[in-house]
Amino acid sequence: QVKKLFEADGTYYQTEAQNSTWNFRDPSPFIDPNDGKLYMVFEGNVAGERGTHSVGAAELGPVPPG
């Protein structure tokens, strides 16, 4: 059985109605060896017009080497 964990909201992540070639896929769960907690990364398009958002180190947080 598939359980929906979250969905594109149109504010933070584009919906299909906002962009017919939207991306909201490729979930990759992993356990962080530092805290032992389960996390998931995924691919998603930021809602809004292309080029209106910038992502820097403050938004990304710690990134593992490699």
N, C-alpha and C. Protein backbone atom coordinates (compact mmCIF):
# COMPACT_ATOMS: atom_id res chain seq x y z
N GLN A 1 0.83 -1.17 0.00
CA GLN A 1 0.00 0.00 0.00
C GLN A 1 0.88 1.25 0.00
N VAL A 2 0.54 2.19 -0.83
CA VAL A 2 1.28 3.46 -0.92
C VAL A 2 0.64 4.46 0.03
N LYS A 3 1.47 5.09 0.84
CA LYS A 3 1.00 6.10 1.78
C LYS A 3 1.59 7.45 1.38
N LYS A 4 0.73 8.42 1.10
CA LYS A 4 1.18 9.75 0.70
C LYS A 4 1.73 10.46 1.93
N LEU A 5 2.98 10.91 1.86
CA LEU A 5 3.61 11.61 2.97
C LEU A 5 3.42 13.13 2.87
N PHE A 6 3.42 13.65 1.66
CA PHE A 6 3.26 15.08 1.42
C PHE A 6 2.98 15.27 -0.06
N GLU A 7 2.58 16.47 -0.45
CA GLU A 7 2.34 16.76 -1.85
C GLU A 7 2.73 18.19 -2.17
N ALA A 8 2.96 18.46 -3.44
CA ALA A 8 3.30 19.81 -3.88
C ALA A 8 2.14 20.74 -3.51
N ASP A 9 2.48 21.89 -2.94
CA ASP A 9 1.46 22.79 -2.40
C ASP A 9 1.23 24.05 -3.24
N GLY A 10 2.06 24.29 -4.24
CA GLY A 10 1.90 25.49 -5.06
C GLY A 10 2.54 26.73 -4.47
N THR A 11 2.98 26.66 -3.23
CA THR A 11 3.65 27.78 -2.57
C THR A 11 5.14 27.54 -2.50
N TYR A 12 5.53 26.40 -1.96
CA TYR A 12 6.94 26.05 -1.87
C TYR A 12 7.37 25.16 -3.03
N TYR A 13 6.48 24.31 -3.50
CA TYR A 13 6.79 23.39 -4.60
C TYR A 13 5.74 23.51 -5.67
N GLN A 14 6.18 23.56 -6.94
CA GLN A 14 5.25 23.69 -8.06
C GLN A 14 4.33 22.49 -8.15
N THR A 15 3.09 22.78 -8.52
CA THR A 15 2.13 21.73 -8.82
C THR A 15 2.13 21.49 -10.33
N GLU A 16 1.48 20.44 -10.75
CA GLU A 16 1.38 20.16 -12.18
C GLU A 16 0.62 21.27 -12.90
N ALA A 17 -0.35 21.89 -12.22
CA ALA A 17 -1.11 22.99 -12.82
C ALA A 17 -0.21 24.20 -13.10
N GLN A 18 0.82 24.41 -12.28
CA GLN A 18 1.73 25.53 -12.47
C GLN A 18 2.78 25.26 -13.54
N ASN A 19 3.10 24.01 -13.76
CA ASN A 19 4.17 23.65 -14.69
C ASN A 19 3.92 22.23 -15.18
N SER A 20 3.58 22.10 -16.44
CA SER A 20 3.24 20.76 -16.97
C SER A 20 4.43 19.81 -16.97
N THR A 21 5.64 20.33 -16.83
CA THR A 21 6.82 19.45 -16.75
C THR A 21 7.39 19.48 -15.33
N TRP A 22 6.52 19.53 -14.36
CA TRP A 22 6.93 19.61 -12.95
C TRP A 22 7.68 18.38 -12.50
N ASN A 23 8.47 18.56 -11.47
CA ASN A 23 9.21 17.47 -10.84
C ASN A 23 8.87 17.44 -9.37
N PHE A 24 8.39 16.34 -8.91
CA PHE A 24 8.13 16.11 -7.49
C PHE A 24 8.22 14.61 -7.32
N ARG A 25 9.46 14.12 -7.27
CA ARG A 25 9.65 12.68 -7.39
C ARG A 25 10.99 12.24 -6.81
N ASP A 26 11.35 11.02 -7.08
CA ASP A 26 12.63 10.42 -6.73
C ASP A 26 12.93 10.47 -5.23
N PRO A 27 12.01 9.99 -4.39
CA PRO A 27 12.30 10.00 -2.95
C PRO A 27 13.45 9.06 -2.62
N SER A 28 14.33 9.50 -1.74
CA SER A 28 15.48 8.70 -1.32
C SER A 28 15.59 8.77 0.20
N PRO A 29 15.00 7.81 0.91
CA PRO A 29 15.12 7.82 2.37
C PRO A 29 16.53 7.40 2.80
N PHE A 30 16.97 7.94 3.93
CA PHE A 30 18.27 7.55 4.47
C PHE A 30 18.28 7.79 5.98
N ILE A 31 19.15 7.08 6.67
CA ILE A 31 19.33 7.28 8.11
C ILE A 31 20.62 8.06 8.32
N ASP A 32 20.49 9.18 9.02
CA ASP A 32 21.66 10.01 9.30
C ASP A 32 22.48 9.32 10.39
N PRO A 33 23.74 8.99 10.10
CA PRO A 33 24.56 8.31 11.10
C PRO A 33 24.87 9.17 12.32
N ASN A 34 24.70 10.49 12.19
CA ASN A 34 24.98 11.39 13.32
C ASN A 34 23.90 11.35 14.38
N ASP A 35 22.64 11.22 13.96
CA ASP A 35 21.55 11.22 14.95
C ASP A 35 20.68 9.97 14.89
N GLY A 36 20.91 9.10 13.90
CA GLY A 36 20.15 7.86 13.79
C GLY A 36 18.72 8.04 13.32
N LYS A 37 18.35 9.25 12.90
CA LYS A 37 16.98 9.52 12.46
C LYS A 37 16.83 9.26 10.96
N LEU A 38 15.60 8.90 10.58
CA LEU A 38 15.26 8.66 9.18
C LEU A 38 14.86 9.97 8.52
N TYR A 39 15.46 10.26 7.38
CA TYR A 39 15.15 11.45 6.60
C TYR A 39 14.87 11.04 5.16
N MET A 40 14.32 11.97 4.37
CA MET A 40 14.09 11.69 2.96
C MET A 40 14.40 12.93 2.14
N VAL A 41 15.12 12.76 1.07
CA VAL A 41 15.33 13.83 0.10
C VAL A 41 14.53 13.49 -1.15
N PHE A 42 14.16 14.50 -1.91
CA PHE A 42 13.38 14.29 -3.12
C PHE A 42 13.66 15.43 -4.08
N GLU A 43 13.24 15.23 -5.31
CA GLU A 43 13.39 16.27 -6.32
C GLU A 43 12.08 17.03 -6.42
N GLY A 44 12.16 18.36 -6.45
CA GLY A 44 10.97 19.17 -6.58
C GLY A 44 11.32 20.52 -7.19
N ASN A 45 10.38 21.10 -7.93
CA ASN A 45 10.56 22.44 -8.49
C ASN A 45 10.02 23.46 -7.50
N VAL A 46 10.76 24.53 -7.28
CA VAL A 46 10.30 25.61 -6.41
C VAL A 46 9.15 26.32 -7.09
N ALA A 47 8.09 26.60 -6.34
CA ALA A 47 6.94 27.32 -6.91
C ALA A 47 7.34 28.75 -7.24
N GLY A 48 6.65 29.35 -8.20
CA GLY A 48 6.95 30.72 -8.62
C GLY A 48 7.62 30.72 -9.98
N GLU A 49 8.00 31.90 -10.40
CA GLU A 49 8.62 32.06 -11.71
C GLU A 49 10.11 31.73 -11.63
N ARG A 50 10.63 31.15 -12.69
CA ARG A 50 12.05 30.79 -12.77
C ARG A 50 12.91 32.04 -12.53
N GLY A 51 13.91 31.90 -11.68
CA GLY A 51 14.83 32.98 -11.41
C GLY A 51 14.41 33.93 -10.29
N THR A 52 13.23 33.71 -9.69
CA THR A 52 12.78 34.61 -8.63
C THR A 52 13.25 34.19 -7.25
N HIS A 53 13.87 33.03 -7.13
CA HIS A 53 14.35 32.53 -5.84
C HIS A 53 15.85 32.29 -5.92
N SER A 54 16.52 32.53 -4.82
CA SER A 54 17.93 32.16 -4.76
C SER A 54 18.13 31.25 -3.55
N VAL A 55 18.97 30.26 -3.72
CA VAL A 55 19.26 29.31 -2.65
C VAL A 55 20.74 29.39 -2.34
N GLY A 56 21.04 29.69 -1.10
CA GLY A 56 22.43 29.81 -0.68
C GLY A 56 22.74 28.87 0.47
N ALA A 57 23.88 29.05 1.07
CA ALA A 57 24.34 28.17 2.15
C ALA A 57 23.37 28.17 3.33
N ALA A 58 22.76 29.32 3.64
CA ALA A 58 21.83 29.40 4.77
C ALA A 58 20.60 28.52 4.56
N GLU A 59 20.14 28.41 3.31
CA GLU A 59 18.97 27.59 3.02
C GLU A 59 19.31 26.11 2.94
N LEU A 60 20.51 25.80 2.49
CA LEU A 60 20.91 24.40 2.32
C LEU A 60 21.25 23.71 3.62
N GLY A 61 21.84 24.42 4.55
CA GLY A 61 22.29 23.80 5.78
C GLY A 61 23.54 22.97 5.53
N PRO A 62 23.90 22.11 6.49
CA PRO A 62 25.12 21.31 6.33
C PRO A 62 24.99 20.30 5.19
N VAL A 63 25.99 20.24 4.36
CA VAL A 63 26.00 19.30 3.24
C VAL A 63 27.20 18.37 3.42
N PRO A 64 26.95 17.05 3.35
CA PRO A 64 28.08 16.13 3.53
C PRO A 64 29.09 16.24 2.40
N PRO A 65 30.33 15.89 2.65
CA PRO A 65 31.34 15.96 1.58
C PRO A 65 31.04 14.97 0.47
N GLY A 66 31.51 15.28 -0.72
CA GLY A 66 31.36 14.37 -1.84
C GLY A 66 30.29 14.79 -2.73
